[in-house]
Amino acid sequence: MIRLYSIPSMGFISILSVMVFTLSFCVKKASGFSHEWEKNTIEYMDVHNHLAGRAELMNGERIDDFPGAGKMALRAMKRFGIKKMFVMPPPFSPDHSNIYDYKSLISVLKQYPERFAFLGGGGTLNVMIQKTVKTGIITNTIRERFSQVAHDIASSGAVGFGEFAMEHLSFAANHPYEYAPPDHPLFLLLADISAKTGLPIDIHMEAVPEEMPLPERFRSPPNPRTLKANIDAFERLLSHNLKAKIIWSHVGWCNTGKRTPRLCEKLLLKHPNLYMSFKISPRDSVSKLMPLEAGNGIRPEWLDLIKRYPDRFLIGSDHFYVSPMMPIRRIGPPSVGPTNRFFRLLNENLGKKIGIENPENIFNLNSVD
C-alpha cells in the first residue's frame, strides 16, 4: 500500500505515475513472470558451443583457424559475462565436409586453459554411429574401435562426449539430415563408458513422442516425410546404466512442438541421470514453447520446472563462433545473446545453481582442476 501523504513536494501527475508504476509492478509480480529488475550478475559457464575454424574454399584452399574462432568466443565471453565456455565438434555425419573433432580444438585450449573446456566425439564417434545406421552392420571390430576412440577421448582431458545426433533435422541444402535410434547398440556402449569414466554424454534430439509428419517449414528430402518416435527408445538409453549422465541439449528450442515442460518433467522425474541445457533462439523455434515471452520474461511453466529440478539444468547456448578467416560470418541464428538474457532473468540462487554449481558437479570440474 502506498502512503501518498509521505511523498513530499509531489504534484498530482507525479503521484499518479508512482501509483501506475507500483500497480504495474504488483501485477507483473503476481503473473509469475521473471523480469528485468531481477537480473543476476553472475559469471556463468556456457556448456554447449562450437568453434567454426575449418573450411575449404572454391579454389581448393583449406582454412584451419580454430584459434581465430576461439578469439571470437573470448570476445563474446567478455561481453556476456561467461566465466568458462565448453566447446565441442558438431554431430558430423559421413555426408558432412570439413569434419573435425576434439584434437582440432586443443590448440585453443592450450592458450586459454582457464576459459575453455572441451567435449569430443562429434567428429569421430557420431560418424561411426551414423555409418552403422546406414549400413545396418555392427561387428565386434566396430564395437572395439568405438570403445577405443571413446577411451582416447576420455584420456585426452575432455570433460564429456559430444555432440551426438539422434534426431537432427536438415535446415539447409548443405546440412545433412541425421538420425540414430537412442537405444542404438553403440549409444548403449557409450553409456557404459560414460558410467565408467564419469564423462557425461551431450545429445541433440528433437522430441518425437509418437510418429509424426515432418513439420511444414522443413523440406523433404533431405528430411524424411515422417519422423520416427524416439522418446521410448530414449528412456531405454537412460535406464540402461543409471551411472551414465545424459545431457539432452537445447531445451527451450524446439522444432517439432513436442518438447513441452510437461514432457521434460515426466522424463526428469523418472530418470535421475537426465540433465538438460537451455538454448534460446527466437528466430527458429516453435514460439509457444519458448521459455521467454516477449515483454514478460520467463514463462511461469518453465520457471516452475526449473525450481522443481534446480540440479538438472545447465546453460548451453549452442552458438557457432566463426573464424575471421572463414568465407562466412555466421552459422545459424545468433543464440548466445537470447540465452544470456534468459539466464540473467533467473534470480541469484538459481543463477548460481545452473550457471556454476551444476556444471561443476555434472562435468566433475573440481576433480579435473
Protein backbone atom coordinates (compact mmCIF):
# COMPACT_ATOMS: atom_id res chain seq x y z
CA MET A 1 0.00 0.00 0.00
CA ILE A 2 1.33 3.48 -0.97
CA ARG A 3 1.26 6.23 1.63
CA LEU A 4 0.75 9.25 -0.65
CA TYR A 5 1.00 11.75 2.12
CA SER A 6 4.56 10.64 2.88
CA ILE A 7 5.83 11.78 -0.54
CA PRO A 8 6.98 15.37 -0.15
CA SER A 9 6.55 18.10 -2.79
CA MET A 10 4.87 15.90 -5.43
CA GLY A 11 2.20 17.09 -7.83
CA PHE A 12 -0.84 15.08 -8.87
CA ILE A 13 0.83 13.77 -12.07
CA SER A 14 3.91 12.59 -10.17
CA ILE A 15 1.78 10.83 -7.56
CA LEU A 16 -0.30 9.22 -10.29
CA SER A 17 2.88 7.99 -12.01
CA VAL A 18 4.07 6.32 -8.82
CA MET A 19 0.69 4.63 -8.42
CA VAL A 20 0.70 3.33 -12.00
CA PHE A 21 4.28 2.05 -11.70
CA THR A 22 3.55 0.30 -8.40
CA LEU A 23 0.35 -1.26 -9.72
CA SER A 24 2.19 -2.47 -12.82
CA PHE A 25 4.95 -3.91 -10.64
CA CYS A 26 2.45 -5.82 -8.49
CA VAL A 27 0.52 -7.15 -11.49
CA LYS A 28 3.69 -8.38 -13.18
CA LYS A 29 4.89 -9.97 -9.97
CA ALA A 30 1.57 -11.71 -9.50
CA SER A 31 1.69 -13.07 -13.04
CA GLY A 32 4.66 -15.27 -12.14
CA PHE A 33 6.94 -13.94 -14.87
CA SER A 34 10.59 -13.21 -14.16
CA HIS A 35 11.55 -9.63 -15.03
CA GLU A 36 14.47 -7.34 -15.77
CA TRP A 37 14.73 -5.97 -12.21
CA GLU A 38 15.58 -9.48 -11.01
CA LYS A 39 18.73 -9.65 -13.13
CA ASN A 40 21.64 -11.60 -11.69
CA THR A 41 25.22 -10.57 -12.41
CA ILE A 42 26.83 -13.99 -12.02
CA GLU A 43 29.66 -15.05 -14.30
CA TYR A 44 28.43 -18.41 -15.55
CA MET A 45 29.53 -21.41 -17.58
CA ASP A 46 28.10 -22.00 -21.05
CA VAL A 47 28.42 -25.73 -21.64
CA HIS A 48 27.49 -26.16 -25.32
CA ASN A 49 29.20 -24.19 -28.10
CA HIS A 50 31.08 -24.68 -31.36
CA LEU A 51 34.20 -23.18 -32.92
CA ALA A 52 33.91 -22.87 -36.70
CA GLY A 53 37.50 -22.81 -37.84
CA ARG A 54 37.65 -25.17 -40.81
CA ALA A 55 36.52 -24.65 -44.40
CA GLU A 56 37.50 -25.40 -47.98
CA LEU A 57 37.35 -22.53 -50.48
CA MET A 58 36.23 -22.76 -54.09
CA ASN A 59 39.87 -22.64 -55.27
CA GLY A 60 40.69 -25.71 -53.15
CA GLU A 61 42.47 -23.72 -50.44
CA ARG A 62 41.85 -25.07 -46.93
CA ILE A 63 41.33 -22.91 -43.88
CA ASP A 64 42.21 -24.13 -40.38
CA ASP A 65 41.88 -21.33 -37.85
CA PHE A 66 40.40 -22.61 -34.63
CA PRO A 67 42.49 -20.14 -32.55
CA GLY A 68 40.82 -17.32 -34.52
CA ALA A 69 37.40 -18.79 -33.76
CA GLY A 70 38.46 -19.08 -30.13
CA LYS A 71 39.26 -15.36 -30.00
CA MET A 72 35.75 -14.60 -31.24
CA ALA A 73 34.43 -16.76 -28.43
CA LEU A 74 36.57 -14.92 -25.89
CA ARG A 75 35.18 -11.63 -27.11
CA ALA A 76 31.64 -12.90 -26.52
CA MET A 77 32.59 -14.25 -23.09
CA LYS A 78 33.77 -10.82 -22.03
CA ARG A 79 30.65 -9.14 -23.39
CA PHE A 80 28.14 -11.53 -21.81
CA GLY A 81 29.89 -12.39 -18.53
CA ILE A 82 30.68 -16.02 -19.37
CA LYS A 83 33.28 -17.41 -16.99
CA LYS A 84 34.02 -20.60 -18.89
CA MET A 85 32.92 -21.95 -22.23
CA PHE A 86 32.62 -25.59 -23.26
CA VAL A 87 33.29 -26.24 -26.94
CA MET A 88 32.73 -29.39 -28.96
CA PRO A 89 32.52 -30.57 -32.56
CA PRO A 90 29.02 -30.59 -34.06
CA PRO A 91 27.45 -34.02 -34.66
CA PHE A 92 29.07 -34.80 -38.00
CA SER A 93 27.82 -37.49 -40.35
CA PRO A 94 29.71 -39.24 -43.19
CA ASP A 95 27.95 -36.81 -45.56
CA HIS A 96 29.47 -33.70 -43.98
CA SER A 97 32.53 -31.92 -45.32
CA ASN A 98 35.34 -30.42 -43.23
CA ILE A 99 34.86 -32.86 -40.38
CA TYR A 100 36.91 -32.27 -37.24
CA ASP A 101 36.96 -33.45 -33.64
CA TYR A 102 38.49 -32.51 -30.31
CA LYS A 103 42.11 -32.64 -31.48
CA SER A 104 41.49 -29.55 -33.61
CA LEU A 105 40.26 -27.67 -30.53
CA ILE A 106 43.23 -28.41 -28.29
CA SER A 107 45.31 -25.57 -29.79
CA VAL A 108 42.74 -23.12 -28.40
CA LEU A 109 42.63 -24.80 -25.01
CA LYS A 110 46.39 -24.66 -24.60
CA GLN A 111 46.27 -20.88 -24.94
CA TYR A 112 43.35 -20.33 -22.54
CA PRO A 113 43.09 -23.36 -20.24
CA GLU A 114 41.08 -21.48 -17.60
CA ARG A 115 38.50 -20.19 -20.06
CA PHE A 116 37.70 -23.28 -22.13
CA ALA A 117 36.81 -26.94 -21.66
CA PHE A 118 36.08 -29.39 -24.45
CA LEU A 119 34.00 -32.42 -25.34
CA GLY A 120 34.89 -34.92 -28.04
CA GLY A 121 33.24 -37.46 -30.29
CA GLY A 122 31.09 -35.43 -32.67
CA GLY A 123 33.57 -35.88 -35.50
CA THR A 124 34.51 -39.49 -34.72
CA LEU A 125 32.05 -41.46 -32.58
CA ASN A 126 28.97 -39.81 -34.06
CA VAL A 127 30.24 -40.50 -37.59
CA MET A 128 30.70 -44.15 -36.67
CA ILE A 129 27.16 -44.38 -35.32
CA GLN A 130 25.69 -42.73 -38.41
CA LYS A 131 27.60 -45.15 -40.65
CA THR A 132 26.21 -48.18 -38.84
CA VAL A 133 22.67 -46.77 -39.05
CA LYS A 134 23.03 -46.59 -42.85
CA THR A 135 24.68 -49.99 -43.26
CA GLY A 136 22.83 -51.84 -40.51
CA ILE A 137 26.11 -53.58 -39.65
CA ILE A 138 27.69 -53.57 -36.18
CA THR A 139 30.56 -56.01 -35.83
CA ASN A 140 32.78 -56.75 -32.83
CA THR A 141 35.55 -54.90 -34.65
CA ILE A 142 33.37 -51.78 -34.91
CA ARG A 143 32.45 -52.01 -31.22
CA GLU A 144 36.10 -52.40 -30.22
CA ARG A 145 37.14 -49.46 -32.38
CA PHE A 146 34.31 -47.33 -31.00
CA SER A 147 35.30 -48.18 -27.44
CA GLN A 148 38.96 -47.38 -28.11
CA VAL A 149 38.16 -43.96 -29.58
CA ALA A 150 35.86 -43.17 -26.64
CA HIS A 151 38.56 -44.06 -24.13
CA ASP A 152 41.09 -41.99 -26.08
CA ILE A 153 38.75 -39.01 -25.75
CA ALA A 154 38.37 -39.63 -22.03
CA SER A 155 42.14 -39.76 -21.53
CA SER A 156 42.74 -36.60 -23.60
CA GLY A 157 41.40 -34.23 -20.97
CA ALA A 158 37.87 -33.97 -22.36
CA VAL A 159 35.13 -33.23 -19.84
CA GLY A 160 32.47 -35.09 -21.82
CA PHE A 161 31.37 -36.82 -25.02
CA GLY A 162 29.56 -34.78 -27.65
CA GLU A 163 27.79 -33.74 -29.66
CA PHE A 164 25.66 -36.70 -30.82
CA ALA A 165 22.68 -36.69 -33.17
CA MET A 166 19.64 -38.86 -32.55
CA GLU A 167 17.15 -36.73 -34.49
CA HIS A 168 18.78 -33.77 -36.23
CA LEU A 169 16.73 -32.05 -38.91
CA SER A 170 18.32 -30.55 -42.01
CA PHE A 171 17.98 -26.77 -42.12
CA ALA A 172 19.65 -26.16 -45.50
CA ALA A 173 20.71 -27.91 -48.69
CA ASN A 174 24.28 -28.39 -47.44
CA HIS A 175 23.13 -29.53 -43.99
CA PRO A 176 22.55 -33.32 -43.91
CA TYR A 177 19.70 -34.93 -42.02
CA GLU A 178 20.84 -37.26 -39.22
CA TYR A 179 19.01 -39.98 -37.36
CA ALA A 180 20.01 -42.75 -34.99
CA PRO A 181 17.74 -44.57 -32.53
CA PRO A 182 18.57 -43.51 -28.95
CA ASP A 183 18.86 -47.17 -27.90
CA HIS A 184 21.30 -47.95 -30.72
CA PRO A 185 23.87 -50.54 -29.52
CA LEU A 186 26.73 -48.04 -29.79
CA PHE A 187 24.84 -45.49 -27.69
CA LEU A 188 24.29 -48.17 -25.06
CA LEU A 189 28.01 -48.97 -25.21
CA LEU A 190 28.82 -45.27 -24.81
CA ALA A 191 26.52 -45.09 -21.79
CA ASP A 192 28.57 -47.84 -20.15
CA ILE A 193 31.79 -45.97 -20.95
CA SER A 194 30.24 -42.77 -19.59
CA ALA A 195 29.39 -44.56 -16.34
CA LYS A 196 32.93 -45.88 -16.07
CA THR A 197 34.75 -42.62 -16.87
CA GLY A 198 32.27 -40.19 -15.31
CA LEU A 199 32.09 -38.14 -18.53
CA PRO A 200 28.56 -37.03 -19.49
CA ILE A 201 27.11 -37.50 -22.98
CA ASP A 202 25.71 -34.47 -24.82
CA ILE A 203 22.97 -35.31 -27.33
CA HIS A 204 20.87 -33.46 -29.91
CA MET A 205 17.38 -34.90 -30.31
CA GLU A 206 14.15 -33.33 -31.50
CA ALA A 207 11.31 -34.60 -29.34
CA VAL A 208 9.07 -37.06 -31.20
CA PRO A 209 6.84 -38.87 -28.67
CA GLU A 210 4.96 -40.65 -31.46
CA GLU A 211 5.43 -40.95 -35.21
CA MET A 212 4.55 -37.64 -36.86
CA PRO A 213 4.72 -35.86 -40.22
CA LEU A 214 7.68 -33.60 -40.91
CA PRO A 215 6.90 -30.02 -39.79
CA GLU A 216 5.84 -27.91 -42.76
CA ARG A 217 8.74 -25.45 -42.64
CA PHE A 218 11.26 -28.23 -43.36
CA ARG A 219 11.95 -29.77 -46.77
CA SER A 220 11.86 -33.40 -47.76
CA PRO A 221 14.33 -34.52 -48.98
CA PRO A 222 16.76 -34.46 -47.27
CA ASN A 223 14.44 -34.73 -44.26
CA PRO A 224 12.09 -37.72 -44.21
CA ARG A 225 8.39 -37.13 -44.74
CA THR A 226 7.68 -38.88 -41.43
CA LEU A 227 9.65 -38.62 -38.17
CA LYS A 228 10.04 -41.76 -36.10
CA ALA A 229 9.04 -41.86 -32.43
CA ASN A 230 12.08 -41.61 -30.16
CA ILE A 231 11.04 -40.94 -26.54
CA ASP A 232 10.51 -44.60 -25.57
CA ALA A 233 13.90 -45.52 -27.02
CA PHE A 234 15.46 -42.53 -25.25
CA GLU A 235 14.07 -43.82 -21.97
CA ARG A 236 15.65 -47.20 -22.66
CA LEU A 237 19.01 -45.45 -23.05
CA LEU A 238 18.52 -43.54 -19.80
CA SER A 239 17.59 -46.74 -17.95
CA HIS A 240 20.42 -48.79 -19.44
CA ASN A 241 23.02 -47.52 -16.97
CA LEU A 242 21.94 -45.11 -14.25
CA LYS A 243 25.53 -44.05 -13.66
CA ALA A 244 25.72 -42.58 -17.18
CA LYS A 245 24.95 -38.87 -17.21
CA ILE A 246 22.97 -37.83 -20.29
CA ILE A 247 22.55 -34.16 -21.24
CA TRP A 248 19.63 -33.59 -23.61
CA SER A 249 20.73 -30.28 -25.08
CA HIS A 250 18.70 -27.38 -26.47
CA VAL A 251 15.76 -27.35 -24.08
CA GLY A 252 13.80 -24.20 -24.90
CA TRP A 253 14.50 -24.61 -28.63
CA CYS A 254 12.08 -26.98 -30.33
CA ASN A 255 11.24 -27.69 -33.97
CA THR A 256 8.54 -30.33 -33.56
CA GLY A 257 6.34 -28.61 -30.99
CA LYS A 258 6.62 -31.64 -28.71
CA ARG A 259 9.32 -30.73 -26.17
CA THR A 260 6.91 -29.28 -23.65
CA PRO A 261 7.53 -28.56 -19.96
CA ARG A 262 5.22 -31.50 -19.21
CA LEU A 263 7.31 -33.93 -21.28
CA CYS A 264 10.52 -32.62 -19.72
CA GLU A 265 9.13 -33.03 -16.22
CA LYS A 266 7.92 -36.55 -16.94
CA LEU A 267 11.41 -37.60 -18.03
CA LEU A 268 13.24 -35.73 -15.26
CA LEU A 269 11.01 -37.36 -12.66
CA LYS A 270 11.63 -40.88 -13.96
CA HIS A 271 15.32 -40.61 -14.81
CA PRO A 272 17.70 -39.13 -12.22
CA ASN A 273 20.63 -39.32 -14.68
CA LEU A 274 18.98 -36.95 -17.17
CA TYR A 275 20.08 -33.31 -17.48
CA MET A 276 19.11 -30.53 -19.90
CA SER A 277 20.89 -27.44 -21.20
CA PHE A 278 18.94 -24.34 -22.21
CA LYS A 279 19.27 -22.76 -25.64
CA ILE A 280 17.17 -19.73 -26.57
CA SER A 281 16.88 -18.97 -30.28
CA PRO A 282 13.70 -16.99 -31.06
CA ARG A 283 14.21 -16.93 -34.83
CA ASP A 284 13.94 -20.66 -35.47
CA SER A 285 11.93 -22.26 -32.68
CA VAL A 286 8.25 -23.09 -32.09
CA SER A 287 7.21 -19.86 -30.38
CA LYS A 288 4.69 -21.35 -27.95
CA LEU A 289 7.42 -23.46 -26.35
CA MET A 290 9.90 -20.61 -25.94
CA PRO A 291 10.77 -20.15 -22.25
CA LEU A 292 10.93 -16.39 -22.83
CA GLU A 293 7.82 -14.41 -23.76
CA ALA A 294 8.39 -11.01 -25.35
CA GLY A 295 7.82 -8.24 -22.83
CA ASN A 296 7.09 -10.60 -19.94
CA GLY A 297 10.22 -12.61 -19.16
CA ILE A 298 10.37 -16.31 -18.30
CA ARG A 299 7.09 -18.16 -18.75
CA PRO A 300 5.74 -19.47 -15.40
CA GLU A 301 5.56 -23.11 -16.52
CA TRP A 302 9.27 -23.13 -17.38
CA LEU A 303 10.32 -21.24 -14.26
CA ASP A 304 8.32 -23.65 -12.10
CA LEU A 305 10.02 -26.60 -13.80
CA ILE A 306 13.47 -25.14 -13.13
CA LYS A 307 12.58 -24.54 -9.49
CA ARG A 308 11.37 -28.12 -9.08
CA TYR A 309 14.55 -29.57 -10.61
CA PRO A 310 17.29 -26.98 -9.95
CA ASP A 311 20.07 -29.59 -10.02
CA ARG A 312 19.23 -30.80 -13.53
CA PHE A 313 19.60 -27.73 -15.75
CA LEU A 314 22.54 -26.02 -17.44
CA ILE A 315 23.13 -23.18 -19.88
CA GLY A 316 24.25 -24.26 -23.37
CA SER A 317 23.65 -21.56 -25.98
CA ASP A 318 24.83 -23.65 -28.98
CA HIS A 319 26.43 -20.63 -30.65
CA PHE A 320 28.89 -21.03 -33.53
CA TYR A 321 31.95 -18.80 -33.20
CA VAL A 322 33.31 -18.26 -36.70
CA SER A 323 36.97 -17.58 -37.52
CA PRO A 324 37.57 -14.18 -39.22
CA MET A 325 39.31 -16.13 -41.99
CA MET A 326 36.15 -18.04 -42.91
CA PRO A 327 34.24 -17.04 -46.07
CA ILE A 328 31.06 -16.72 -43.98
CA ARG A 329 30.48 -14.58 -40.91
CA ARG A 330 27.74 -16.54 -39.21
CA ILE A 331 26.39 -20.09 -38.91
CA GLY A 332 22.76 -20.25 -37.82
CA PRO A 333 20.77 -17.59 -35.97
CA PRO A 334 22.58 -15.94 -33.04
CA SER A 335 21.75 -17.71 -29.79
CA VAL A 336 24.28 -16.54 -27.20
CA GLY A 337 22.54 -13.17 -26.68
CA PRO A 338 19.00 -14.54 -26.21
CA THR A 339 20.30 -17.35 -23.99
CA ASN A 340 22.19 -14.81 -21.90
CA ARG A 341 19.01 -12.74 -21.49
CA PHE A 342 17.21 -15.84 -20.26
CA PHE A 343 19.96 -16.61 -17.75
CA ARG A 344 20.04 -13.03 -16.45
CA LEU A 345 16.33 -13.25 -15.59
CA LEU A 346 16.94 -16.09 -13.14
CA ASN A 347 17.38 -14.99 -9.55
CA GLU A 348 20.78 -15.14 -7.87
CA ASN A 349 20.22 -18.54 -6.26
CA LEU A 350 19.02 -20.24 -9.45
CA GLY A 351 21.67 -18.45 -11.48
CA LYS A 352 24.45 -19.71 -9.23
CA LYS A 353 22.99 -23.22 -9.27
CA ILE A 354 22.51 -23.50 -13.02
CA GLY A 355 25.43 -21.37 -14.12
CA ILE A 356 28.16 -22.54 -11.74
CA GLU A 357 27.35 -25.40 -9.38
CA ASN A 358 25.64 -27.74 -11.85
CA PRO A 359 28.42 -27.57 -14.47
CA GLU A 360 30.99 -28.20 -11.76
CA ASN A 361 29.11 -31.23 -10.47
CA ILE A 362 27.92 -32.76 -13.74
CA PHE A 363 31.26 -32.37 -15.51
CA ASN A 364 33.37 -33.18 -12.42
CA LEU A 365 35.28 -29.91 -12.76
CA ASN A 366 36.50 -29.84 -9.18
CA SER A 367 38.26 -33.18 -9.66
CA VAL A 368 39.57 -32.08 -13.10
CA ASP A 369 41.02 -28.87 -11.71
